[in-house]
Amino acid sequence: MDLKEIQNLIKFVSKSGVSEVKLETEDFKIVIKNTPDIQVTSVPHPEVHAVLPAHAAQVPAPAPAAQEQIAKKPEKKEADESKYITIKAPIIGTFYRRPAPDKPPYVEVGDTVKPGDVVCIIEAMKLFNEIESEVSGKIVKVLVEDATPVEFDQPLFLVEPL
């Protein structure tokens, strides 16, 4: 029995409304349980157990105090970072802070940049694209780790305008 057949069996049991199905052959044993609680039981090979929920599990809402704390944190972050300008990735690729592994980074936190200054490189399809600052200011934070993938429009740096 292959994975596709097992998945089809699980779907069938889920739709049928039965609470438990056991299938045993010389090579393996499968037990599929359709219960109200989601549980996963793992057993050593050759047995396979899968437990399906009879209905979608409902997650309780957090306590009101927790909701207030969650709401306050993003507001504080937005207030702190709203005065900064974000330099974003203009393309998808791999972000590099330095021109070569043995060279220093283009910019560090605390450095001042002006329009046209190279702040990083993004490699896309074996092409190394220099990313230039479009604003004047001081680098406050580097938001991406060196040599990691970035998406289009992903924030790279926070700049405090001059």
Protein backbone atom coordinates (compact mmCIF):
# COMPACT_ATOMS: atom_id res chain seq x y z
CA MET A 1 0.00 0.00 0.00
CA ASP A 2 1.49 3.32 -1.05
CA LEU A 3 1.08 6.79 0.46
CA LYS A 4 -1.62 7.80 -2.04
CA GLU A 5 -3.75 4.77 -1.13
CA ILE A 6 -3.33 5.56 2.59
CA GLN A 7 -4.39 9.18 2.01
CA ASN A 8 -7.45 8.05 0.06
CA LEU A 9 -8.34 5.62 2.85
CA ILE A 10 -8.05 8.42 5.44
CA LYS A 11 -10.34 10.66 3.34
CA PHE A 12 -12.86 7.84 2.95
CA VAL A 13 -12.91 7.13 6.71
CA SER A 14 -13.28 10.85 7.43
CA LYS A 15 -16.32 11.15 5.17
CA SER A 16 -17.93 7.86 6.21
CA GLY A 17 -18.53 8.85 9.83
CA VAL A 18 -17.12 5.64 11.35
CA SER A 19 -15.09 6.05 14.51
CA GLU A 20 -12.28 3.56 13.81
CA VAL A 21 -10.93 1.43 10.96
CA LYS A 22 -8.23 -1.22 11.26
CA LEU A 23 -6.45 -2.68 8.24
CA GLU A 24 -3.88 -5.42 8.73
CA THR A 25 -1.77 -7.34 6.21
CA GLU A 26 1.37 -9.41 6.45
CA ASP A 27 3.52 -6.31 5.84
CA PHE A 28 1.78 -3.60 7.84
CA LYS A 29 -1.05 -2.60 10.13
CA ILE A 30 -3.00 0.69 9.86
CA VAL A 31 -5.41 2.04 12.46
CA ILE A 32 -7.41 5.15 11.55
CA LYS A 33 -9.44 6.73 14.33
CA ASN A 34 -12.02 9.44 13.75
CA THR A 35 -12.40 11.10 17.17
CA PRO A 36 -13.46 14.53 18.45
CA ASP A 37 -9.95 15.37 19.69
CA ILE A 38 -6.97 15.57 17.41
CA GLN A 39 -4.37 13.08 18.53
CA VAL A 40 -1.40 11.60 16.73
CA THR A 41 -0.02 8.32 17.91
CA SER A 42 3.28 7.13 16.57
CA VAL A 43 4.33 3.54 16.80
CA PRO A 44 7.35 1.69 15.50
CA HIS A 45 7.26 0.31 11.96
CA PRO A 46 5.38 -1.62 10.52
CA GLU A 47 2.27 -0.15 12.20
CA VAL A 48 0.82 3.21 11.11
CA HIS A 49 -1.75 5.12 13.18
CA ALA A 50 -3.61 8.19 12.00
CA VAL A 51 -6.24 10.00 14.02
CA LEU A 52 -8.70 12.31 12.32
CA PRO A 53 -10.83 15.00 13.96
CA ALA A 54 -14.59 14.43 13.83
CA HIS A 55 -15.04 18.19 13.79
CA ALA A 56 -12.66 21.13 13.56
CA ALA A 57 -10.88 21.82 16.82
CA GLN A 58 -11.76 25.18 18.27
CA VAL A 59 -9.02 27.26 19.79
CA PRO A 60 -10.08 29.23 22.86
CA ALA A 61 -9.68 32.99 22.65
CA PRO A 62 -6.84 34.48 24.72
CA ALA A 63 -7.70 36.16 27.99
CA PRO A 64 -8.64 39.87 27.75
CA ALA A 65 -5.39 40.91 29.50
CA ALA A 66 -3.38 38.97 26.92
CA GLN A 67 -5.34 40.62 24.10
CA GLU A 68 -4.50 44.07 25.50
CA GLN A 69 -0.79 43.23 25.66
CA ILE A 70 -0.84 41.90 22.10
CA ALA A 71 -2.56 45.06 20.91
CA LYS A 72 -0.13 47.38 22.73
CA LYS A 73 3.10 45.84 21.45
CA PRO A 74 2.54 46.47 17.71
CA GLU A 75 1.41 50.05 18.42
CA LYS A 76 4.63 50.75 20.30
CA LYS A 77 6.72 49.22 17.53
CA GLU A 78 4.87 51.23 14.88
CA ALA A 79 5.33 54.42 16.89
CA ASP A 80 9.07 53.75 17.33
CA GLU A 81 9.65 52.84 13.67
CA SER A 82 7.24 55.31 12.06
CA LYS A 83 9.90 58.04 12.05
CA TYR A 84 12.26 55.83 10.03
CA ILE A 85 12.42 55.32 6.27
CA THR A 86 12.65 51.73 5.06
CA ILE A 87 14.99 50.68 2.28
CA LYS A 88 13.26 47.74 0.59
CA ALA A 89 14.41 45.02 -1.79
CA PRO A 90 13.60 46.00 -5.38
CA ILE A 91 14.01 42.39 -6.58
CA ILE A 92 13.90 38.79 -5.36
CA GLY A 93 17.28 37.20 -4.67
CA THR A 94 20.00 36.60 -2.09
CA PHE A 95 20.95 39.54 0.13
CA TYR A 96 24.64 40.28 0.71
CA ARG A 97 25.95 43.09 2.93
CA ARG A 98 29.48 43.03 1.47
CA PRO A 99 30.94 43.09 -2.05
CA ALA A 100 33.06 39.97 -1.31
CA PRO A 101 33.44 37.63 1.67
CA ASP A 102 36.78 39.19 2.63
CA LYS A 103 35.58 42.81 2.30
CA PRO A 104 33.84 44.98 4.92
CA PRO A 105 30.06 45.55 4.71
CA TYR A 106 28.81 48.40 2.53
CA VAL A 107 27.03 49.98 5.52
CA GLU A 108 26.92 49.41 9.26
CA VAL A 109 24.44 50.60 11.87
CA GLY A 110 25.29 54.24 12.55
CA ASP A 111 26.67 54.96 9.06
CA THR A 112 25.29 57.93 7.13
CA VAL A 113 24.05 57.31 3.60
CA LYS A 114 22.94 59.63 0.81
CA PRO A 115 21.06 58.92 -2.42
CA GLY A 116 23.19 56.81 -4.75
CA ASP A 117 25.28 55.14 -2.01
CA VAL A 118 25.41 51.34 -2.38
CA VAL A 119 23.97 49.71 0.75
CA CYS A 120 24.00 46.02 -0.29
CA ILE A 121 23.97 43.55 -3.17
CA ILE A 122 21.12 41.25 -4.17
CA GLU A 123 22.10 38.29 -6.31
CA ALA A 124 19.42 37.21 -8.76
CA MET A 125 20.02 34.61 -11.47
CA LYS A 126 23.80 34.80 -11.05
CA LEU A 127 23.74 38.59 -11.48
CA PHE A 128 24.92 40.78 -8.60
CA ASN A 129 22.72 43.88 -8.40
CA GLU A 130 23.99 46.82 -6.33
CA ILE A 131 21.17 48.31 -4.29
CA GLU A 132 21.51 52.04 -3.80
CA SER A 133 19.98 54.23 -1.13
CA GLU A 134 17.28 56.59 -2.36
CA VAL A 135 17.28 58.62 0.88
CA SER A 136 19.70 60.56 3.06
CA GLY A 137 20.03 59.48 6.65
CA LYS A 138 21.65 57.30 9.26
CA ILE A 139 21.35 53.49 9.17
CA VAL A 140 19.49 52.56 12.36
CA LYS A 141 18.89 48.85 11.81
CA VAL A 142 19.80 46.06 9.38
CA LEU A 143 16.67 43.92 9.04
CA VAL A 144 18.08 40.97 7.05
CA GLU A 145 20.87 38.51 7.81
CA ASP A 146 23.77 38.37 5.36
CA ALA A 147 23.51 35.71 2.61
CA THR A 148 19.79 35.06 3.11
CA PRO A 149 16.99 35.07 0.53
CA VAL A 150 14.81 38.18 0.24
CA GLU A 151 11.47 38.79 -1.43
CA PHE A 152 10.41 41.72 -3.57
CA ASP A 153 9.58 44.77 -1.41
CA GLN A 154 10.99 43.13 1.76
CA PRO A 155 12.41 45.69 4.22
CA LEU A 156 16.22 45.58 4.32
CA PHE A 157 17.31 48.63 6.36
CA LEU A 158 15.75 51.27 8.60
CA VAL A 159 17.12 54.77 7.99
CA GLU A 160 16.67 57.79 10.25
CA PRO A 161 16.23 60.74 7.87
CA LEU A 162 18.59 63.72 8.25
